[in-house]
N, C-alpha and C. Protein backbone atom coordinates (compact mmCIF):
# COMPACT_ATOMS: atom_id res chain seq x y z
N MET A 1 16.65 95.94 157.46
CA MET A 1 15.67 95.54 156.30
C MET A 1 16.06 96.22 154.67
N SER A 2 16.21 95.56 153.82
CA SER A 2 16.79 95.99 152.34
C SER A 2 16.43 95.90 151.73
N ALA A 3 15.84 96.26 150.55
CA ALA A 3 15.08 96.45 149.81
C ALA A 3 15.83 96.15 148.39
N GLU A 4 17.39 96.57 148.88
CA GLU A 4 18.28 95.72 147.05
C GLU A 4 19.08 94.97 147.83
N GLN A 5 19.06 94.25 146.30
CA GLN A 5 19.02 92.43 146.72
C GLN A 5 20.02 91.80 145.41
N PRO A 6 21.35 91.52 144.89
CA PRO A 6 21.68 91.43 143.50
C PRO A 6 21.48 90.35 143.68
N GLY A 7 21.54 90.17 141.97
CA GLY A 7 21.74 88.86 141.24
C GLY A 7 20.33 88.50 140.67
N PRO A 8 20.76 87.14 140.31
CA PRO A 8 19.72 86.48 140.17
C PRO A 8 18.24 85.85 140.74
N ALA A 9 16.83 85.43 140.49
CA ALA A 9 16.33 85.24 141.68
C ALA A 9 15.72 83.72 141.18
N PRO A 10 16.90 83.20 142.29
CA PRO A 10 16.28 81.76 142.50
C PRO A 10 15.46 81.33 141.87
N SER A 11 14.71 80.52 141.93
CA SER A 11 13.05 79.33 141.78
C SER A 11 13.09 79.07 143.23
N GLY A 12 11.71 78.54 144.21
CA GLY A 12 11.66 78.31 144.84
C GLY A 12 11.73 80.03 146.54
N GLN A 13 11.55 78.82 147.54
CA GLN A 13 11.84 79.75 148.59
C GLN A 13 12.80 79.97 149.11
N ALA A 14 12.58 81.71 149.76
CA ALA A 14 13.83 82.64 150.07
C ALA A 14 14.21 83.16 151.02
N THR A 15 14.60 82.60 151.77
CA THR A 15 15.16 83.45 153.19
C THR A 15 15.86 84.69 153.43
N PHE A 16 15.42 86.04 154.28
CA PHE A 16 15.78 86.99 154.12
C PHE A 16 16.58 86.87 155.73
N VAL A 17 17.92 87.08 156.02
CA VAL A 17 18.69 87.32 156.96
C VAL A 17 18.90 88.52 157.18
N ASN A 18 18.42 88.89 157.79
CA ASN A 18 19.58 90.51 158.54
C ASN A 18 19.62 90.91 160.25
N THR A 19 20.54 91.34 160.25
CA THR A 19 21.95 90.92 161.51
C THR A 19 21.22 92.49 161.48
N PHE A 20 20.93 93.00 162.91
CA PHE A 20 21.03 94.20 163.22
C PHE A 20 21.97 94.73 164.65
N THR A 21 22.32 95.41 165.36
CA THR A 21 23.25 96.21 166.10
C THR A 21 22.67 97.71 166.58
N LEU A 22 21.68 97.42 167.96
CA LEU A 22 21.25 98.68 168.12
C LEU A 22 22.15 99.29 168.81
N ARG A 23 20.64 101.07 168.44
CA ARG A 23 21.59 102.06 169.09
C ARG A 23 20.43 102.82 170.05
N THR A 24 19.90 101.74 170.22
CA THR A 24 18.54 102.56 171.26
C THR A 24 18.25 100.69 172.66
N THR A 25 17.36 101.47 173.11
CA THR A 25 17.09 99.95 173.99
C THR A 25 16.71 98.74 172.96
N PRO A 26 16.60 97.80 173.86
CA PRO A 26 16.61 96.37 172.73
C PRO A 26 14.50 96.70 172.42
N GLU A 27 13.76 96.56 173.97
CA GLU A 27 12.37 97.07 174.04
C GLU A 27 12.03 98.25 172.76
N GLU A 28 12.42 99.08 172.35
CA GLU A 28 12.35 100.55 171.51
C GLU A 28 12.29 99.70 169.81
N PHE A 29 13.84 98.51 169.76
CA PHE A 29 14.20 98.03 168.68
C PHE A 29 12.69 97.17 168.95
N GLU A 30 12.59 96.47 169.40
CA GLU A 30 11.14 94.99 169.08
C GLU A 30 9.99 95.79 169.11
N GLU A 31 9.82 97.41 169.46
CA GLU A 31 8.61 97.65 169.57
C GLU A 31 8.48 98.17 168.02
N ALA A 32 9.83 98.90 167.11
CA ALA A 32 9.75 99.20 165.72
C ALA A 32 9.82 97.68 164.71
N PHE A 33 10.66 97.08 165.66
CA PHE A 33 10.74 95.67 164.49
C PHE A 33 9.14 94.91 164.36
N VAL A 34 8.09 94.86 165.92
CA VAL A 34 6.27 94.39 165.11
C VAL A 34 5.82 95.22 164.28
N ARG A 35 5.87 96.50 163.90
CA ARG A 35 5.65 97.54 163.22
C ARG A 35 5.36 97.24 161.91
N THR A 36 7.17 96.78 161.35
CA THR A 36 7.24 96.58 160.37
C THR A 36 7.33 94.94 160.26
N ALA A 37 7.19 94.16 160.64
CA ALA A 37 6.27 93.03 160.93
C ALA A 37 5.09 92.50 160.13
N ARG A 38 4.43 93.30 161.06
CA ARG A 38 2.79 93.17 160.99
C ARG A 38 2.48 93.52 158.77
N PHE A 39 3.39 94.63 159.04
CA PHE A 39 3.09 94.86 157.52
C PHE A 39 3.16 93.70 156.31
N LEU A 40 4.64 93.16 157.35
CA LEU A 40 5.31 92.23 156.13
C LEU A 40 4.73 90.84 155.61
N GLU A 41 4.09 90.72 157.35
CA GLU A 41 3.12 89.96 157.77
C GLU A 41 1.54 89.93 156.64
N ARG A 42 1.47 91.01 155.94
CA ARG A 42 0.51 91.69 154.56
C ARG A 42 1.01 91.04 153.56
N GLN A 43 1.95 91.05 153.22
CA GLN A 43 1.87 90.58 151.59
C GLN A 43 1.99 89.74 150.93
N PRO A 44 1.85 89.73 149.97
CA PRO A 44 1.92 88.53 149.16
C PRO A 44 2.83 87.92 149.57
N GLY A 45 3.47 86.23 149.85
CA GLY A 45 4.16 85.95 149.24
C GLY A 45 4.58 85.54 151.17
N PHE A 46 4.53 85.81 151.55
CA PHE A 46 5.81 86.13 152.74
C PHE A 46 4.77 84.58 153.92
N LEU A 47 6.25 84.04 154.15
CA LEU A 47 5.29 83.29 154.86
C LEU A 47 5.84 82.93 156.44
N ALA A 48 6.32 82.83 157.14
CA ALA A 48 6.53 83.41 158.50
C ALA A 48 8.84 84.32 158.06
N TYR A 49 8.77 84.09 160.10
CA TYR A 49 9.55 85.21 160.58
C TYR A 49 9.71 84.75 162.14
N THR A 50 11.32 84.75 162.60
CA THR A 50 11.60 84.10 163.65
C THR A 50 13.29 85.87 163.19
N LEU A 51 12.76 86.07 164.69
CA LEU A 51 13.84 87.47 165.56
C LEU A 51 14.24 87.07 166.36
N VAL A 52 15.58 86.80 166.37
CA VAL A 52 16.02 85.78 167.85
C VAL A 52 17.45 87.34 168.76
N ARG A 53 17.48 86.98 169.82
CA ARG A 53 18.51 88.34 170.69
C ARG A 53 19.44 87.32 171.24
N HIS A 54 20.23 87.92 170.54
CA HIS A 54 22.12 87.16 170.62
C HIS A 54 22.20 87.65 172.95
N LEU A 55 22.22 86.24 173.01
CA LEU A 55 22.29 85.79 174.51
C LEU A 55 23.37 86.91 175.14
N GLU A 56 23.90 86.66 174.92
CA GLU A 56 25.96 87.91 175.31
C GLU A 56 26.15 89.24 175.24
N GLU A 57 25.26 89.19 173.93
CA GLU A 57 25.47 90.56 173.49
C GLU A 57 23.49 91.14 173.03
N PRO A 58 23.58 91.82 174.46
CA PRO A 58 21.90 92.51 174.29
C PRO A 58 21.54 93.32 172.86
N GLN A 59 22.66 93.48 172.66
CA GLN A 59 22.66 94.16 171.48
C GLN A 59 22.40 93.87 169.94
N SER A 60 22.39 92.67 169.92
CA SER A 60 22.35 92.35 168.66
C SER A 60 21.75 91.30 168.69
N TYR A 61 20.89 91.74 167.21
CA TYR A 61 19.49 90.78 167.30
C TYR A 61 19.80 90.05 165.64
N VAL A 62 19.28 89.04 165.24
CA VAL A 62 19.03 88.65 163.58
C VAL A 62 17.13 87.98 163.37
N ASN A 63 16.94 88.63 162.48
CA ASN A 63 15.67 87.82 162.49
C ASN A 63 16.37 86.84 161.09
N ILE A 64 15.32 86.37 160.59
CA ILE A 64 15.31 85.35 159.56
C ILE A 64 13.70 85.16 158.80
N ALA A 65 14.03 85.43 158.00
CA ALA A 65 12.14 85.35 157.42
C ALA A 65 11.94 84.92 156.01
N ARG A 66 11.01 84.05 155.66
CA ARG A 66 11.18 83.17 154.86
C ARG A 66 9.82 83.85 153.50
N TRP A 67 10.30 84.09 153.09
CA TRP A 67 9.21 83.43 151.84
C TRP A 67 8.91 82.77 150.12
N THR A 68 8.05 82.36 149.94
CA THR A 68 7.36 81.48 148.96
C THR A 68 8.60 82.19 148.02
N ASP A 69 8.96 82.89 148.02
CA ASP A 69 9.87 83.29 146.71
C ASP A 69 10.57 84.55 146.33
N VAL A 70 12.03 85.31 146.23
CA VAL A 70 12.32 86.29 145.81
C VAL A 70 11.53 87.19 145.12
N ALA A 71 10.78 86.57 144.17
CA ALA A 71 10.03 88.29 143.69
C ALA A 71 9.08 88.86 144.72
N SER A 72 7.72 88.19 145.48
CA SER A 72 7.28 88.51 146.27
C SER A 72 7.79 89.35 147.73
N PHE A 73 9.23 88.71 147.84
CA PHE A 73 9.88 89.35 148.78
C PHE A 73 10.55 90.88 148.04
N ARG A 74 10.84 90.98 146.95
CA ARG A 74 11.44 92.44 146.69
C ARG A 74 10.19 92.99 146.67
N ALA A 75 9.28 92.56 145.46
CA ALA A 75 8.22 93.16 145.86
C ALA A 75 7.29 93.82 147.15
N ALA A 76 7.56 92.83 148.22
CA ALA A 76 6.94 93.71 149.94
C ALA A 76 8.04 94.78 149.81
N VAL A 77 9.31 94.98 149.70
CA VAL A 77 9.87 95.94 150.50
C VAL A 77 10.10 96.90 149.24
N THR A 78 10.04 97.23 147.67
CA THR A 78 10.39 97.93 146.89
C THR A 78 8.88 99.00 147.17
N GLN A 79 7.72 98.75 148.24
CA GLN A 79 6.81 98.61 147.98
C GLN A 79 6.86 100.14 148.78
N ALA A 80 6.43 102.07 148.25
CA ALA A 80 6.63 102.91 149.18
C ALA A 80 6.05 103.36 149.70
N GLU A 81 5.34 102.36 150.58
CA GLU A 81 4.35 102.39 152.44
C GLU A 81 5.83 101.22 153.13
N PHE A 82 6.90 101.09 152.26
CA PHE A 82 7.27 99.68 153.59
C PHE A 82 9.08 101.13 153.59
N GLY A 83 9.22 101.85 152.93
CA GLY A 83 10.57 103.24 153.30
C GLY A 83 10.26 103.46 155.00
N PRO A 84 9.04 104.13 155.25
CA PRO A 84 8.95 104.51 156.12
C PRO A 84 9.65 103.19 157.55
N HIS A 85 9.17 101.99 157.24
CA HIS A 85 9.35 101.07 158.13
C HIS A 85 10.79 100.89 158.26
N ALA A 86 11.58 100.29 156.90
CA ALA A 86 13.27 100.89 157.09
C ALA A 86 13.23 102.20 157.74
N GLU A 87 13.23 103.45 157.56
CA GLU A 87 13.69 104.72 157.99
C GLU A 87 13.72 104.10 159.50
N ALA A 88 12.72 103.59 159.97
CA ALA A 88 12.85 103.51 161.30
C ALA A 88 14.01 102.50 161.82
N LEU A 89 13.92 101.15 161.59
CA LEU A 89 15.03 100.70 162.00
C LEU A 89 16.27 101.15 161.77
N ARG A 90 16.33 101.75 160.78
CA ARG A 90 17.93 102.22 160.22
C ARG A 90 18.10 103.27 161.86
N ALA A 91 16.45 103.54 162.06
CA ALA A 91 17.02 105.43 162.60
C ALA A 91 17.82 104.62 163.76
N ILE A 92 17.10 103.19 164.31
CA ILE A 92 17.66 103.12 165.72
C ILE A 92 18.83 102.20 165.82
N SER A 93 19.66 101.19 163.96
CA SER A 93 20.03 100.56 164.32
C SER A 93 21.00 100.62 162.76
N THR A 94 21.53 98.96 163.34
CA THR A 94 22.67 99.61 161.74
C THR A 94 22.24 98.19 162.13
N SER A 95 22.42 97.52 160.65
CA SER A 95 22.14 96.11 159.98
C SER A 95 23.05 95.71 158.16
N SER A 96 22.65 94.17 158.45
CA SER A 96 23.89 93.79 157.37
C SER A 96 22.67 92.57 157.25
N SER A 97 21.83 92.24 155.92
CA SER A 97 21.14 92.07 155.18
C SER A 97 21.60 91.36 154.17
N GLY A 98 21.03 89.65 153.68
CA GLY A 98 21.06 89.16 152.24
C GLY A 98 19.50 87.91 152.30
N LEU A 99 19.70 87.26 151.03
CA LEU A 99 18.88 86.45 150.82
C LEU A 99 19.61 85.22 150.10
N TYR A 100 19.10 83.95 150.49
CA TYR A 100 19.23 82.71 151.41
C TYR A 100 18.45 82.20 150.35
N THR A 101 18.64 80.63 149.56
CA THR A 101 18.07 79.68 149.14
C THR A 101 18.06 78.73 149.90
N GLU A 102 17.03 77.67 150.61
CA GLU A 102 18.05 76.84 151.41
C GLU A 102 18.37 75.85 149.95
N ARG A 103 19.41 74.78 151.33
CA ARG A 103 20.42 73.48 150.81
C ARG A 103 19.85 72.37 151.05
N ARG A 104 20.30 72.58 152.60
CA ARG A 104 19.80 70.97 153.23
C ARG A 104 19.73 72.20 154.84
N SER A 105 18.08 70.61 154.70
CA SER A 105 18.28 71.14 156.64
C SER A 105 17.54 69.29 156.99
N ALA A 106 17.12 69.52 158.04
CA ALA A 106 16.95 68.45 158.72
C ALA A 106 16.03 68.59 160.27
N THR A 107 15.08 67.84 160.82
CA THR A 107 14.18 68.00 161.58
C THR A 107 14.37 66.97 162.39
N VAL A 108 14.18 67.20 163.52
CA VAL A 108 14.22 65.74 164.66
C VAL A 108 12.98 65.91 165.24
N GLU A 109 12.45 64.44 165.17
CA GLU A 109 11.22 63.80 165.89
C GLU A 109 11.42 64.18 167.19
N GLU A 110 10.40 64.50 167.37
CA GLU A 110 9.87 64.08 169.21
C GLU A 110 10.61 62.78 169.51
N ARG A 111 11.08 62.38 170.27
CA ARG A 111 11.73 61.14 171.17
C ARG A 111 10.44 60.23 171.92
């Protein structure tokens, strides 16, 4: 997870997408990730996250986190208390991340 997100802050919800490639076991990564997620869950503006693991490449994960707005996300990840969480994840994985704004979506209702 990165605190550096360039560009203007769009209004509305923000989606943070972060891909991870592990340099450790999936179990160790998931333990570190949960500690980070618990910190972020307590921050104003946090809505939800989903961590998914690639079915054919078990060292690859993607986190999709939703925030009420870009400002809330940036406030959370620029706190001094977030630094150790980010460092712990960087120590065991490489990552690539970005902030997105929703453009279209669809939901299928139960049939």
